[in-house]
PDB file of N, CA and C in Angstrom:
ATOM      1  N   MET A   1      81.527 -90.613  47.085  1.00  0.00           N
ATOM      2  CA  MET A   1      80.644 -90.284  48.154  1.00  0.00           C
ATOM      3  C   MET A   1      79.084 -90.255  48.072  1.00  0.00           C
ATOM      4  N   VAL A   2      78.075 -90.990  48.617  1.00  0.00           N
ATOM      5  CA  VAL A   2      77.086 -91.125  48.539  1.00  0.00           C
ATOM      6  C   VAL A   2      76.407 -90.266  49.637  1.00  0.00           C
ATOM      7  N   ILE A   3      75.631 -89.188  49.095  1.00  0.00           N
ATOM      8  CA  ILE A   3      74.774 -88.113  50.141  1.00  0.00           C
ATOM      9  C   ILE A   3      73.474 -88.632  50.656  1.00  0.00           C
ATOM     10  N   ASP A   4      73.496 -89.669  51.723  1.00  0.00           N
ATOM     11  CA  ASP A   4      72.293 -90.570  52.274  1.00  0.00           C
ATOM     12  C   ASP A   4      72.542 -89.984  53.764  1.00  0.00           C
ATOM     13  N   LYS A   5      71.316 -90.741  54.454  1.00  0.00           N
ATOM     14  CA  LYS A   5      71.136 -90.905  55.677  1.00  0.00           C
ATOM     15  C   LYS A   5      72.507 -91.314  56.626  1.00  0.00           C
ATOM     16  N   ASP A   6      72.637 -92.059  55.944  1.00  0.00           N
ATOM     17  CA  ASP A   6      73.898 -93.212  56.676  1.00  0.00           C
ATOM     18  C   ASP A   6      75.340 -92.570  56.741  1.00  0.00           C
ATOM     19  N   SER A   7      75.456 -91.394  55.441  1.00  0.00           N
ATOM     20  CA  SER A   7      76.685 -90.869  55.121  1.00  0.00           C
ATOM     21  C   SER A   7      76.617 -89.597  56.699  1.00  0.00           C
ATOM     22  N   VAL A   8      75.549 -88.633  56.308  1.00  0.00           N
ATOM     23  CA  VAL A   8      75.047 -87.738  57.042  1.00  0.00           C
ATOM     24  C   VAL A   8      75.309 -88.204  58.579  1.00  0.00           C
ATOM     25  N   THR A   9      74.997 -89.145  58.742  1.00  0.00           N
ATOM     26  CA  THR A   9      74.571 -89.620  60.304  1.00  0.00           C
ATOM     27  C   THR A   9      76.218 -89.902  60.886  1.00  0.00           C
ATOM     28  N   ALA A  10      77.139 -90.102  59.956  1.00  0.00           N
ATOM     29  CA  ALA A  10      78.060 -90.545  60.193  1.00  0.00           C
ATOM     30  C   ALA A  10      79.400 -89.231  59.983  1.00  0.00           C
ATOM     31  N   THR A  11      79.017 -88.252  59.752  1.00  0.00           N
ATOM     32  CA  THR A  11      79.516 -87.054  59.188  1.00  0.00           C
ATOM     33  C   THR A  11      79.172 -86.511  60.806  1.00  0.00           C
ATOM     34  N   ARG A  12      77.748 -86.282  61.070  1.00  0.00           N
ATOM     35  CA  ARG A  12      77.339 -85.695  62.748  1.00  0.00           C
ATOM     36  C   ARG A  12      78.359 -86.354  63.746  1.00  0.00           C
ATOM     37  N   LYS A  13      78.327 -87.700  63.609  1.00  0.00           N
ATOM     38  CA  LYS A  13      78.970 -88.500  64.642  1.00  0.00           C
ATOM     39  C   LYS A  13      80.699 -88.128  64.936  1.00  0.00           C
ATOM     40  N   LEU A  14      81.214 -87.399  63.764  1.00  0.00           N
ATOM     41  CA  LEU A  14      82.424 -87.052  63.634  1.00  0.00           C
ATOM     42  C   LEU A  14      82.681 -85.710  64.469  1.00  0.00           C
ATOM     43  N   ALA A  15      81.744 -85.230  64.043  1.00  0.00           N
ATOM     44  CA  ALA A  15      81.389 -83.606  64.752  1.00  0.00           C
ATOM     45  C   ALA A  15      81.676 -83.470  66.389  1.00  0.00           C
ATOM     46  N   GLU A  16      80.607 -84.484  66.395  1.00  0.00           N
ATOM     47  CA  GLU A  16      79.889 -84.960  67.793  1.00  0.00           C
ATOM     48  C   GLU A  16      81.492 -84.999  68.819  1.00  0.00           C
ATOM     49  N   LYS A  17      81.896 -86.278  68.079  1.00  0.00           N
ATOM     50  CA  LYS A  17      82.971 -86.495  69.046  1.00  0.00           C
ATOM     51  C   LYS A  17      84.400 -85.775  69.156  1.00  0.00           C
ATOM     52  N   GLY A  18      84.180 -83.995  67.999  1.00  0.00           N
ATOM     53  CA  GLY A  18      85.413 -83.543  68.301  1.00  0.00           C
ATOM     54  C   GLY A  18      86.538 -84.001  66.828  1.00  0.00           C
ATOM     55  N   ASN A  19      85.879 -84.921  66.145  1.00  0.00           N
ATOM     56  CA  ASN A  19      86.726 -84.709  64.781  1.00  0.00           C
ATOM     57  C   ASN A  19      86.143 -84.005  63.875  1.00  0.00           C
ATOM     58  N   THR A  20      86.645 -82.651  64.381  1.00  0.00           N
ATOM     59  CA  THR A  20      85.930 -81.584  63.498  1.00  0.00           C
ATOM     60  C   THR A  20      86.871 -81.535  61.812  1.00  0.00           C
ATOM     61  N   GLN A  21      88.111 -81.777  61.742  1.00  0.00           N
ATOM     62  CA  GLN A  21      88.525 -81.609  60.249  1.00  0.00           C
ATOM     63  C   GLN A  21      87.893 -82.770  59.270  1.00  0.00           C
ATOM     64  N   GLU A  22      87.734 -83.840  60.084  1.00  0.00           N
ATOM     65  CA  GLU A  22      87.245 -84.927  58.914  1.00  0.00           C
ATOM     66  C   GLU A  22      85.900 -84.330  58.636  1.00  0.00           C
ATOM     67  N   ALA A  23      85.187 -84.147  59.810  1.00  0.00           N
ATOM     68  CA  ALA A  23      83.590 -83.903  59.307  1.00  0.00           C
ATOM     69  C   ALA A  23      83.512 -82.350  58.139  1.00  0.00           C
ATOM     70  N   ILE A  24      84.129 -81.364  58.545  1.00  0.00           N
ATOM     71  CA  ILE A  24      84.294 -80.512  57.600  1.00  0.00           C
ATOM     72  C   ILE A  24      85.001 -80.640  56.369  1.00  0.00           C
ATOM     73  N   ALA A  25      85.827 -81.885  56.169  1.00  0.00           N
ATOM     74  CA  ALA A  25      86.239 -82.809  54.954  1.00  0.00           C
ATOM     75  C   ALA A  25      84.984 -82.987  54.209  1.00  0.00           C
ATOM     76  N   ASP A  26      84.077 -83.712  55.029  1.00  0.00           N
ATOM     77  CA  ASP A  26      82.866 -84.031  54.284  1.00  0.00           C
ATOM     78  C   ASP A  26      81.987 -83.611  53.919  1.00  0.00           C
ATOM     79  N   ILE A  27      81.575 -82.353  54.893  1.00  0.00           N
ATOM     80  CA  ILE A  27      80.895 -81.357  54.337  1.00  0.00           C
ATOM     81  C   ILE A  27      81.149 -80.698  52.833  1.00  0.00           C
ATOM     82  N   LYS A  28      82.457 -80.455  52.825  1.00  0.00           N
ATOM     83  CA  LYS A  28      83.139 -80.334  51.607  1.00  0.00           C
ATOM     84  C   LYS A  28      82.417 -80.760  50.638  1.00  0.00           C
ATOM     85  N   LYS A  29      82.795 -82.071  50.334  1.00  0.00           N
ATOM     86  CA  LYS A  29      82.701 -83.087  49.304  1.00  0.00           C
ATOM     87  C   LYS A  29      81.196 -83.231  49.477  1.00  0.00           C
ATOM     88  N   MET A  30      80.488 -82.859  50.565  1.00  0.00           N
ATOM     89  CA  MET A  30      78.747 -83.335  50.045  1.00  0.00           C
ATOM     90  C   MET A  30      78.418 -81.654  49.080  1.00  0.00           C
ATOM     91  N   LEU A  31      78.888 -80.613  49.632  1.00  0.00           N
ATOM     92  CA  LEU A  31      78.997 -79.394  48.776  1.00  0.00           C
ATOM     93  C   LEU A  31      79.461 -79.332  47.491  1.00  0.00           C
ATOM     94  N   GLU A  32      80.469 -79.940  47.074  1.00  0.00           N
ATOM     95  CA  GLU A  32      80.668 -80.228  45.826  1.00  0.00           C
ATOM     96  C   GLU A  32      80.086 -81.076  45.158  1.00  0.00           C
ATOM     97  N   ILE A  33      79.341 -82.010  45.626  1.00  0.00           N
ATOM     98  CA  ILE A  33      78.491 -83.031  44.902  1.00  0.00           C
ATOM     99  C   ILE A  33      77.104 -82.021  44.401  1.00  0.00           C
ATOM    100  N   LYS A  34      76.344 -81.792  45.579  1.00  0.00           N
ATOM    101  CA  LYS A  34      75.653 -80.606  45.405  1.00  0.00           C
ATOM    102  C   LYS A  34      75.207 -79.338  44.654  1.00  0.00           C
ATOM    103  N   GLN A  35      77.030 -78.690  44.447  1.00  0.00           N
ATOM    104  CA  GLN A  35      76.840 -77.830  43.809  1.00  0.00           C
ATOM    105  C   GLN A  35      76.732 -78.510  41.890  1.00  0.00           C
ATOM    106  N   ALA A  36      77.657 -79.456  42.320  1.00  0.00           N
ATOM    107  CA  ALA A  36      77.935 -80.290  40.105  1.00  0.00           C
ATOM    108  C   ALA A  36      75.700 -80.366  39.843  1.00  0.00           C
ATOM    109  N   HIS A  37      75.390 -80.600  41.022  1.00  0.00           N
ATOM    110  CA  HIS A  37      73.966 -80.914  41.093  1.00  0.00           C
ATOM    111  C   HIS A  37      73.097 -80.093  40.307  1.00  0.00           C
ATOM    112  N   LEU A  38      73.562 -78.675  41.392  1.00  0.00           N
ATOM    113  CA  LEU A  38      72.559 -77.719  41.225  1.00  0.00           C
ATOM    114  C   LEU A  38      73.283 -76.804  39.475  1.00  0.00           C
ATOM    115  N   TRP A  39      74.310 -77.185  39.418  1.00  0.00           N
ATOM    116  CA  TRP A  39      74.862 -76.283  38.350  1.00  0.00           C
ATOM    117  C   TRP A  39      73.881 -77.166  36.984  1.00  0.00           C
ATOM    118  N   ARG A  40      74.121 -78.501  37.110  1.00  0.00           N
ATOM    119  CA  ARG A  40      73.676 -79.231  35.935  1.00  0.00           C
ATOM    120  C   ARG A  40      71.750 -78.952  35.952  1.00  0.00           C
ATOM    121  N   SER A  41      71.543 -79.044  37.158  1.00  0.00           N
ATOM    122  CA  SER A  41      70.081 -78.495  37.138  1.00  0.00           C
ATOM    123  C   SER A  41      69.905 -77.078  36.641  1.00  0.00           C
ATOM    124  N   ASP A  42      70.489 -76.436  36.986  1.00  0.00           N
ATOM    125  CA  ASP A  42      70.340 -74.679  36.325  1.00  0.00           C
ATOM    126  C   ASP A  42      70.729 -75.044  34.473  1.00  0.00           C
ATOM    127  N   VAL A  43      71.884 -76.093  34.438  1.00  0.00           N
ATOM    128  CA  VAL A  43      71.964 -75.834  33.100  1.00  0.00           C
ATOM    129  C   VAL A  43      70.576 -76.158  32.207  1.00  0.00           C
ATOM    130  N   ILE A  44      69.963 -77.639  32.554  1.00  0.00           N
ATOM    131  CA  ILE A  44      68.945 -77.954  31.854  1.00  0.00           C
ATOM    132  C   ILE A  44      67.755 -77.614  32.176  1.00  0.00           C
ATOM    133  N   SER A  45      67.376 -76.873  33.041  1.00  0.00           N
ATOM    134  CA  SER A  45      65.697 -76.280  33.414  1.00  0.00           C
ATOM    135  C   SER A  45      65.290 -75.894  32.030  1.00  0.00           C
ATOM    136  N   PRO A  46      66.121 -74.788  31.591  1.00  0.00           N
ATOM    137  CA  PRO A  46      64.991 -74.099  30.289  1.00  0.00           C
ATOM    138  C   PRO A  46      64.715 -74.556  29.461  1.00  0.00           C
ATOM    139  N   CYS A  47      64.951 -75.906  29.253  1.00  0.00           N
ATOM    140  CA  CYS A  47      64.364 -76.794  28.330  1.00  0.00           C
ATOM    141  C   CYS A  47      63.336 -78.161  29.271  1.00  0.00           C
ATOM    142  N   CYS A  48      63.836 -78.182  30.368  1.00  0.00           N
ATOM    143  CA  CYS A  48      62.826 -79.103  31.126  1.00  0.00           C
ATOM    144  C   CYS A  48      62.206 -78.318  32.368  1.00  0.00           C
ATOM    145  N   GLY A  49      61.183 -78.029  32.247  1.00  0.00           N
ATOM    146  CA  GLY A  49      60.561 -77.017  33.293  1.00  0.00           C
ATOM    147  C   GLY A  49      59.859 -77.636  34.132  1.00  0.00           C
ATOM    148  N   SER A  50      60.199 -78.845  34.322  1.00  0.00           N
ATOM    149  CA  SER A  50      59.563 -79.293  35.432  1.00  0.00           C
ATOM    150  C   SER A  50      60.934 -79.414  36.648  1.00  0.00           C
ATOM    151  N   LEU A  51      62.060 -79.158  35.942  1.00  0.00           N
ATOM    152  CA  LEU A  51      63.262 -79.377  37.347  1.00  0.00           C
ATOM    153  C   LEU A  51      63.007 -78.036  38.477  1.00  0.00           C
ATOM    154  N   GLY A  52      62.383 -77.076  38.109  1.00  0.00           N
ATOM    155  CA  GLY A  52      62.345 -76.130  39.115  1.00  0.00           C
ATOM    156  C   GLY A  52      62.576 -76.389  40.513  1.00  0.00           C
ATOM    157  N   GLY A  53      61.456 -76.975  41.002  1.00  0.00           N
ATOM    158  CA  GLY A  53      61.306 -77.463  41.948  1.00  0.00           C
ATOM    159  C   GLY A  53      62.571 -78.587  42.781  1.00  0.00           C
ATOM    160  N   TYR A  54      63.459 -78.832  42.058  1.00  0.00           N
ATOM    161  CA  TYR A  54      64.508 -79.853  42.196  1.00  0.00           C
ATOM    162  C   TYR A  54      65.597 -78.834  42.094  1.00  0.00           C
ATOM    163  N   THR A  55      65.705 -77.412  41.591  1.00  0.00           N
ATOM    164  CA  THR A  55      66.630 -77.042  41.851  1.00  0.00           C
ATOM    165  C   THR A  55      66.417 -75.915  42.995  1.00  0.00           C
ATOM    166  N   CYS A  56      65.120 -75.677  43.305  1.00  0.00           N
ATOM    167  CA  CYS A  56      64.904 -75.328  44.641  1.00  0.00           C
ATOM    168  C   CYS A  56      65.635 -76.164  45.618  1.00  0.00           C
ATOM    169  N   GLN A  57      65.395 -77.026  45.811  1.00  0.00           N
ATOM    170  CA  GLN A  57      65.733 -78.262  47.184  1.00  0.00           C
ATOM    171  C   GLN A  57      67.218 -78.377  47.023  1.00  0.00           C
ATOM    172  N   ILE A  58      67.443 -78.274  45.736  1.00  0.00           N
ATOM    173  CA  ILE A  58      69.444 -78.480  46.221  1.00  0.00           C
ATOM    174  C   ILE A  58      69.531 -77.258  46.549  1.00  0.00           C
ATOM    175  N   THR A  59      69.378 -76.032  45.937  1.00  0.00           N
ATOM    176  CA  THR A  59      69.908 -74.893  46.319  1.00  0.00           C
ATOM    177  C   THR A  59      69.865 -74.556  47.426  1.00  0.00           C
ATOM    178  N   SER A  60      68.335 -75.121  48.581  1.00  0.00           N
ATOM    179  CA  SER A  60      68.114 -75.230  50.151  1.00  0.00           C
ATOM    180  C   SER A  60      69.318 -76.056  50.508  1.00  0.00           C
ATOM    181  N   GLU A  61      69.755 -77.326  50.114  1.00  0.00           N
ATOM    182  CA  GLU A  61      70.817 -77.892  50.282  1.00  0.00           C
ATOM    183  C   GLU A  61      71.953 -77.325  50.559  1.00  0.00           C
ATOM    184  N   VAL A  62      72.329 -76.946  49.390  1.00  0.00           N
ATOM    185  CA  VAL A  62      73.326 -75.865  49.473  1.00  0.00           C
ATOM    186  C   VAL A  62      73.649 -74.974  50.818  1.00  0.00           C
ATOM    187  N   GLU A  63      72.493 -74.472  50.381  1.00  0.00           N
ATOM    188  CA  GLU A  63      72.907 -73.335  51.727  1.00  0.00           C
ATOM    189  C   GLU A  63      72.882 -74.011  53.009  1.00  0.00           C
ATOM    190  N   MET A  64      72.043 -75.150  53.446  1.00  0.00           N
ATOM    191  CA  MET A  64      72.302 -75.436  54.962  1.00  0.00           C
ATOM    192  C   MET A  64      73.500 -76.553  54.663  1.00  0.00           C
ATOM    193  N   LEU A  65      74.168 -76.902  54.076  1.00  0.00           N
ATOM    194  CA  LEU A  65      75.373 -77.632  54.086  1.00  0.00           C
ATOM    195  C   LEU A  65      76.806 -75.992  54.290  1.00  0.00           C
ATOM    196  N   GLU A  66      76.265 -75.038  53.142  1.00  0.00           N
ATOM    197  CA  GLU A  66      77.522 -73.955  53.673  1.00  0.00           C
ATOM    198  C   GLU A  66      77.020 -73.791  55.386  1.00  0.00           C
ATOM    199  N   ASN A  67      75.909 -73.457  55.380  1.00  0.00           N
ATOM    200  CA  ASN A  67      75.944 -73.223  57.296  1.00  0.00           C
ATOM    201  C   ASN A  67      76.519 -74.091  58.324  1.00  0.00           C
ATOM    202  N   ILE A  68      76.464 -75.120  57.783  1.00  0.00           N
ATOM    203  CA  ILE A  68      76.718 -76.292  59.013  1.00  0.00           C
ATOM    204  C   ILE A  68      78.173 -76.187  58.717  1.00  0.00           C
ATOM    205  N   LEU A  69      78.779 -75.835  57.577  1.00  0.00           N
ATOM    206  CA  LEU A  69      80.130 -75.939  57.379  1.00  0.00           C
ATOM    207  C   LEU A  69      80.945 -74.672  57.893  1.00  0.00           C
ATOM    208  N   LYS A  70      80.056 -73.705  57.809  1.00  0.00           N
ATOM    209  CA  LYS A  70      80.263 -71.983  59.051  1.00  0.00           C
ATOM    210  C   LYS A  70      80.296 -72.611  60.402  1.00  0.00           C
ATOM    211  N   ALA A  71      79.268 -72.936  60.379  1.00  0.00           N
ATOM    212  CA  ALA A  71      79.407 -73.548  62.415  1.00  0.00           C
ATOM    213  C   ALA A  71      80.930 -74.719  62.506  1.00  0.00           C
ATOM    214  N   LEU A  72      81.103 -75.802  61.842  1.00  0.00           N
ATOM    215  CA  LEU A  72      82.007 -76.684  62.245  1.00  0.00           C
ATOM    216  C   LEU A  72      83.639 -75.338  62.212  1.00  0.00           C
ATOM    217  N   GLU A  73      83.502 -74.549  61.316  1.00  0.00           N
ATOM    218  CA  GLU A  73      85.085 -73.992  60.984  1.00  0.00           C
ATOM    219  C   GLU A  73      84.804 -73.099  62.305  1.00  0.00           C
ATOM    220  N   SER A  74      83.603 -72.449  62.588  1.00  0.00           N
ATOM    221  CA  SER A  74      83.699 -71.331  63.993  1.00  0.00           C
ATOM    222  C   SER A  74      83.423 -72.209  65.149  1.00  0.00           C
ATOM    223  N   GLY A  75      83.501 -73.417  65.181  1.00  0.00           N
ATOM    224  CA  GLY A  75      83.997 -74.391  66.214  1.00  0.00           C
ATOM    225  C   GLY A  75      82.722 -74.529  67.314  1.00  0.00           C
ATOM    226  N   ASP A  76      81.773 -74.168  66.522  1.00  0.00           N
ATOM    227  CA  ASP A  76      80.176 -74.460  67.206  1.00  0.00           C
ATOM    228  C   ASP A  76      79.628 -75.988  66.985  1.00  0.00           C
ATOM    229  N   LYS A  77      80.252 -77.110  67.360  1.00  0.00           N
ATOM    230  CA  LYS A  77      79.759 -78.222  66.954  1.00  0.00           C
ATOM    231  C   LYS A  77      78.129 -78.495  67.718  1.00  0.00           C
ATOM    232  N   ALA A  78      78.048 -78.139  68.318  1.00  0.00           N
ATOM    233  CA  ALA A  78      76.458 -78.133  69.016  1.00  0.00           C
ATOM    234  C   ALA A  78      75.614 -77.431  67.724  1.00  0.00           C
ATOM    235  N   GLN A  79      75.709 -76.568  67.428  1.00  0.00           N
ATOM    236  CA  GLN A  79      74.980 -75.797  66.200  1.00  0.00           C
ATOM    237  C   GLN A  79      75.186 -76.886  64.643  1.00  0.00           C
ATOM    238  N   ALA A  80      75.876 -76.902  64.698  1.00  0.00           N
ATOM    239  CA  ALA A  80      76.557 -77.892  63.526  1.00  0.00           C
ATOM    240  C   ALA A  80      75.875 -79.123  63.801  1.00  0.00           C
ATOM    241  N   THR A  81      75.592 -79.770  64.600  1.00  0.00           N
ATOM    242  CA  THR A  81      75.198 -81.293  64.546  1.00  0.00           C
ATOM    243  C   THR A  81      73.710 -81.045  64.754  1.00  0.00           C
ATOM    244  N   THR A  82      73.055 -80.356  65.462  1.00  0.00           N
ATOM    245  CA  THR A  82      71.818 -79.787  65.057  1.00  0.00           C
ATOM    246  C   THR A  82      71.305 -79.526  64.213  1.00  0.00           C
ATOM    247  N   MET A  83      71.887 -78.875  62.996  1.00  0.00           N
ATOM    248  CA  MET A  83      71.984 -78.567  61.647  1.00  0.00           C
ATOM    249  C   MET A  83      71.753 -79.932  61.292  1.00  0.00           C
ATOM    250  N   LEU A  84      73.265 -80.821  61.244  1.00  0.00           N
ATOM    251  CA  LEU A  84      73.005 -82.191  60.633  1.00  0.00           C
ATOM    252  C   LEU A  84      71.857 -82.596  60.864  1.00  0.00           C
ATOM    253  N   ASP A  85      71.204 -82.747  62.091  1.00  0.00           N
ATOM    254  CA  ASP A  85      70.103 -83.131  62.430  1.00  0.00           C
ATOM    255  C   ASP A  85      68.834 -83.320  61.316  1.00  0.00           C
ATOM    256  N   GLY A  86      69.117 -81.839  61.243  1.00  0.00           N
ATOM    257  CA  GLY A  86      67.799 -81.234  59.993  1.00  0.00           C
ATOM    258  C   GLY A  86      68.081 -81.883  58.731  1.00  0.00           C
ATOM    259  N   TYR A  87      69.221 -81.573  58.380  1.00  0.00           N
ATOM    260  CA  TYR A  87      69.674 -82.305  56.818  1.00  0.00           C
ATOM    261  C   TYR A  87      69.501 -83.784  56.878  1.00  0.00           C
ATOM    262  N   ILE A  88      69.197 -84.523  58.056  1.00  0.00           N
ATOM    263  CA  ILE A  88      69.121 -85.852  57.973  1.00  0.00           C
ATOM    264  C   ILE A  88      67.684 -85.795  57.761  1.00  0.00           C
ATOM    265  N   GLN A  89      66.671 -85.344  58.094  1.00  0.00           N
ATOM    266  CA  GLN A  89      65.431 -85.418  58.190  1.00  0.00           C
ATOM    267  C   GLN A  89      65.033 -84.825  56.880  1.00  0.00           C
ATOM    268  N   ILE A  90      65.664 -83.767  55.999  1.00  0.00           N
ATOM    269  CA  ILE A  90      65.457 -83.537  54.784  1.00  0.00           C
ATOM    270  C   ILE A  90      65.913 -84.811  54.048  1.00  0.00           C
ATOM    271  N   ILE A  91      66.639 -85.093  53.983  1.00  0.00           N
ATOM    272  CA  ILE A  91      67.423 -86.211  53.286  1.00  0.00           C
ATOM    273  C   ILE A  91      66.397 -87.211  53.182  1.00  0.00           C
ATOM    274  N   GLU A  92      65.652 -87.875  54.102  1.00  0.00           N
ATOM    275  CA  GLU A  92      64.313 -88.569  54.992  1.00  0.00           C
ATOM    276  C   GLU A  92      63.486 -88.245  54.010  1.00  0.00           C
ATOM    277  N   GLU A  93      63.162 -87.252  54.386  1.00  0.00           N
ATOM    278  CA  GLU A  93      61.713 -86.594  53.720  1.00  0.00           C
ATOM    279  C   GLU A  93      61.896 -86.849  52.031  1.00  0.00           C
ATOM    280  N   ASN A  94      62.875 -86.348  51.337  1.00  0.00           N
ATOM    281  CA  ASN A  94      63.443 -86.357  49.767  1.00  0.00           C
ATOM    282  C   ASN A  94      63.018 -87.536  49.337  1.00  0.00           C
ATOM    283  N   ARG A  95      63.588 -88.779  49.866  1.00  0.00           N
ATOM    284  CA  ARG A  95      63.656 -89.801  49.939  1.00  0.00           C
ATOM    285  C   ARG A  95      62.373 -90.324  49.489  1.00  0.00           C
ATOM    286  N   LYS A  96      61.295 -90.398  50.915  1.00  0.00           N
ATOM    287  CA  LYS A  96      60.413 -90.824  50.490  1.00  0.00           C
ATOM    288  C   LYS A  96      59.152 -90.092  49.654  1.00  0.00           C
ATOM    289  N   ARG A  97      59.550 -89.026  49.251  1.00  0.00           N
ATOM    290  CA  ARG A  97      58.803 -88.274  48.086  1.00  0.00           C
ATOM    291  C   ARG A  97      59.027 -88.819  46.520  1.00  0.00           C
ATOM    292  N   GLU A  98      60.729 -89.356  46.705  1.00  0.00           N
ATOM    293  CA  GLU A  98      60.801 -89.512  45.270  1.00  0.00           C
ATOM    294  C   GLU A  98      60.412 -91.231  44.976  1.00  0.00           C
ATOM    295  N   SER A  99      60.238 -91.889  46.149  1.00  0.00           N
ATOM    296  CA  SER A  99      59.950 -93.001  45.675  1.00  0.00           C
ATOM    297  C   SER A  99      58.592 -93.129  45.555  1.00  0.00           C
ATOM    298  N   THR A 100      57.762 -91.910  45.593  1.00  0.00           N
ATOM    299  CA  THR A 100      56.107 -92.175  45.665  1.00  0.00           C
ATOM    300  C   THR A 100      56.329 -91.187  43.994  1.00  0.00           C
ATOM    301  N   GLU A 101      56.882 -90.649  43.805  1.00  0.00           N
ATOM    302  CA  GLU A 101      56.683 -90.305  42.328  1.00  0.00           C
ATOM    303  C   GLU A 101      56.709 -91.232  41.168  1.00  0.00           C
ATOM    304  N   PRO A 102      55.958 -91.176  40.416  1.00  0.00           N
ATOM    305  CA  PRO A 102      56.018 -91.683  39.206  1.00  0.00           C
ATOM    306  C   PRO A 102      57.232 -91.524  38.430  1.00  0.00           C
ATOM    307  N   GLN A 103      57.801 -93.293  37.911  1.00  0.00           N
ATOM    308  CA  GLN A 103      58.818 -93.479  37.173  1.00  0.00           C
ATOM    309  C   GLN A 103      58.557 -93.522  35.937  1.00  0.00           C
ATOM    310  N   TYR A 104      59.327 -92.867  34.962  1.00  0.00           N
ATOM    311  CA  TYR A 104      58.642 -92.987  33.389  1.00  0.00           C
ATOM    312  C   TYR A 104      60.379 -93.420  32.960  1.00  0.00           C
ATOM    313  N   SER A 105      59.898 -94.218  32.102  1.00  0.00           N
ATOM    314  CA  SER A 105      61.312 -94.946  31.187  1.00  0.00           C
ATOM    315  C   SER A 105      61.366 -94.545  29.834  1.00  0.00           C
TER     316      SER A 105
END
């Protein structure tokens, strides 16, 4: 699974239409991916100081996904879809920022 605007939008539509179990499964996959990214950034950040911002960003995304999962599991579809809209905005902002950062080879 790639976590991008399209995949999160698809998950949001599942939640909105009442396919809660499918949406929960998608959020759990996203959490697994982001937690792996967080673990990797934590492991290598002591030798690569520039990853501190990236680690904070991933931590924020993990917390947001955990809150979305809690909302879905408690049956609060409105809250979950609102938070998914916010997550889509974060993904788009991060994508724009990454495309303007210098690329080193």
